[in-house]
Amino acid sequence: MHKALKKRGYNVKSCASAEEALRAASSRQYDIVISDIGMPETNGYELIERLRLLPHMSDVPAIALSGYVTRRDVEAALAAGFDAHIAKPTDPATLIEEIERRLQRK
């Protein structure tokens, strides 16, 4: 996915953990957040809730990219602060389409 986004012209910052993402976001503004839900130590729900507490990240569009795909999972992602939920595995074109839709709304 990283390669497909870079090929499309996006400047991509990948983080190996939620803690790394929080450190990166604490000192820089990002245009969009894409996160998995199932991660070790800090899950995606906790990550987005903590990101939303940062004033400069409170309204940044966020997409959950997850293998958890029941209606309840989607509702939980939206309730936690994500703006969209995309089921994994996904086609890069689907993700890019959603990214562009979210950035246009911003």
Protein backbone atom coordinates (compact mmCIF):
# COMPACT_ATOMS: atom_id res chain seq x y z
CA MET A 1 0.00 0.00 0.00
CA HIS A 2 2.85 2.35 0.89
CA LYS A 3 4.33 1.95 -2.58
CA ALA A 4 0.99 2.58 -4.29
CA LEU A 5 0.45 5.78 -2.31
CA LYS A 6 3.95 7.06 -3.08
CA LYS A 7 3.47 6.23 -6.77
CA ARG A 8 0.29 8.33 -6.69
CA GLY A 9 2.38 11.26 -5.40
CA TYR A 10 1.60 11.16 -1.71
CA ASN A 11 4.30 11.87 0.86
CA VAL A 12 3.91 8.89 3.20
CA LYS A 13 5.10 8.49 6.78
CA SER A 14 4.84 4.89 8.00
CA CYS A 15 4.99 4.11 11.69
CA ALA A 16 5.70 0.72 13.22
CA SER A 17 3.49 1.29 16.27
CA ALA A 18 0.80 3.55 17.68
CA GLU A 19 3.37 5.09 20.01
CA GLU A 20 5.59 5.98 17.06
CA ALA A 21 2.59 7.51 15.28
CA LEU A 22 1.75 9.60 18.34
CA ARG A 23 5.33 10.85 18.60
CA ALA A 24 5.31 11.78 14.90
CA ALA A 25 1.95 13.53 15.16
CA SER A 26 2.95 15.47 18.26
CA SER A 27 5.43 17.54 16.29
CA ARG A 28 4.00 17.67 12.79
CA GLN A 29 0.75 18.30 10.94
CA TYR A 30 -0.53 15.54 8.65
CA ASP A 31 -3.24 15.74 6.01
CA ILE A 32 -4.72 12.30 6.66
CA VAL A 33 -4.29 9.33 9.00
CA ILE A 34 -4.62 5.72 7.92
CA SER A 35 -4.44 3.15 10.68
CA ASP A 36 -5.08 -0.50 11.30
CA ILE A 37 -7.32 -1.36 14.25
CA GLY A 38 -5.56 -4.52 15.41
CA MET A 39 -2.12 -3.54 16.63
CA PRO A 40 -0.05 -4.75 19.57
CA GLU A 41 -0.02 -2.72 22.79
CA THR A 42 -2.15 0.22 21.61
CA ASN A 43 -4.96 -0.56 19.17
CA GLY A 44 -6.28 1.73 16.46
CA TYR A 45 -9.25 2.86 18.55
CA GLU A 46 -6.93 4.10 21.28
CA LEU A 47 -4.60 5.66 18.73
CA ILE A 48 -7.30 7.74 17.05
CA GLU A 49 -8.74 8.82 20.40
CA ARG A 50 -5.31 10.05 21.49
CA LEU A 51 -4.62 11.70 18.13
CA ARG A 52 -7.92 13.57 18.38
CA LEU A 53 -6.72 15.11 21.66
CA LEU A 54 -3.91 16.90 19.82
CA PRO A 55 -5.35 20.27 18.73
CA HIS A 56 -3.73 20.17 15.29
CA MET A 57 -4.97 16.59 14.69
CA SER A 58 -8.52 16.98 15.98
CA ASP A 59 -10.10 17.36 12.55
CA VAL A 60 -7.60 15.55 10.31
CA PRO A 61 -9.45 12.92 8.23
CA ALA A 62 -8.75 9.39 9.45
CA ILE A 63 -9.38 6.04 7.77
CA ALA A 64 -9.45 2.72 9.60
CA LEU A 65 -8.01 -0.03 7.42
CA SER A 66 -8.95 -3.23 9.17
CA GLY A 67 -9.68 -6.92 8.98
CA TYR A 68 -12.41 -6.38 11.58
CA VAL A 69 -15.36 -5.88 9.27
CA THR A 70 -18.66 -6.54 11.00
CA ARG A 71 -21.17 -3.72 11.24
CA ARG A 72 -20.30 -3.47 14.92
CA ASP A 73 -16.58 -3.10 14.05
CA VAL A 74 -17.32 -0.34 11.56
CA GLU A 75 -19.52 1.47 14.08
CA ALA A 76 -16.81 1.16 16.76
CA ALA A 77 -14.21 2.66 14.41
CA LEU A 78 -16.48 5.59 13.57
CA ALA A 79 -17.39 6.12 17.22
CA ALA A 80 -13.71 6.14 18.20
CA GLY A 81 -13.02 9.01 15.80
CA PHE A 82 -12.30 7.53 12.39
CA ASP A 83 -14.10 9.12 9.45
CA ALA A 84 -14.19 5.97 7.32
CA HIS A 85 -13.57 2.24 7.56
CA ILE A 86 -12.15 0.10 4.76
CA ALA A 87 -12.01 -3.69 4.99
CA LYS A 88 -8.71 -5.51 4.49
CA PRO A 89 -7.50 -6.81 2.24
CA THR A 90 -8.26 -3.88 -0.04
CA ASP A 91 -7.29 -2.81 -3.47
CA PRO A 92 -4.96 0.23 -3.45
CA ALA A 93 -7.35 2.02 -5.82
CA THR A 94 -10.14 1.72 -3.24
CA LEU A 95 -7.98 3.26 -0.55
CA ILE A 96 -6.77 6.04 -2.86
CA GLU A 97 -10.36 6.82 -3.83
CA GLU A 98 -11.34 7.14 -0.16
CA ILE A 99 -8.25 9.27 0.62
CA GLU A 100 -9.11 11.66 -2.19
CA ARG A 101 -12.75 11.83 -1.11
CA ARG A 102 -11.71 12.67 2.47
CA LEU A 103 -9.15 15.27 1.41
CA GLN A 104 -11.70 17.00 -0.84
CA ARG A 105 -14.10 17.32 2.11
CA LYS A 106 -11.40 18.89 4.24
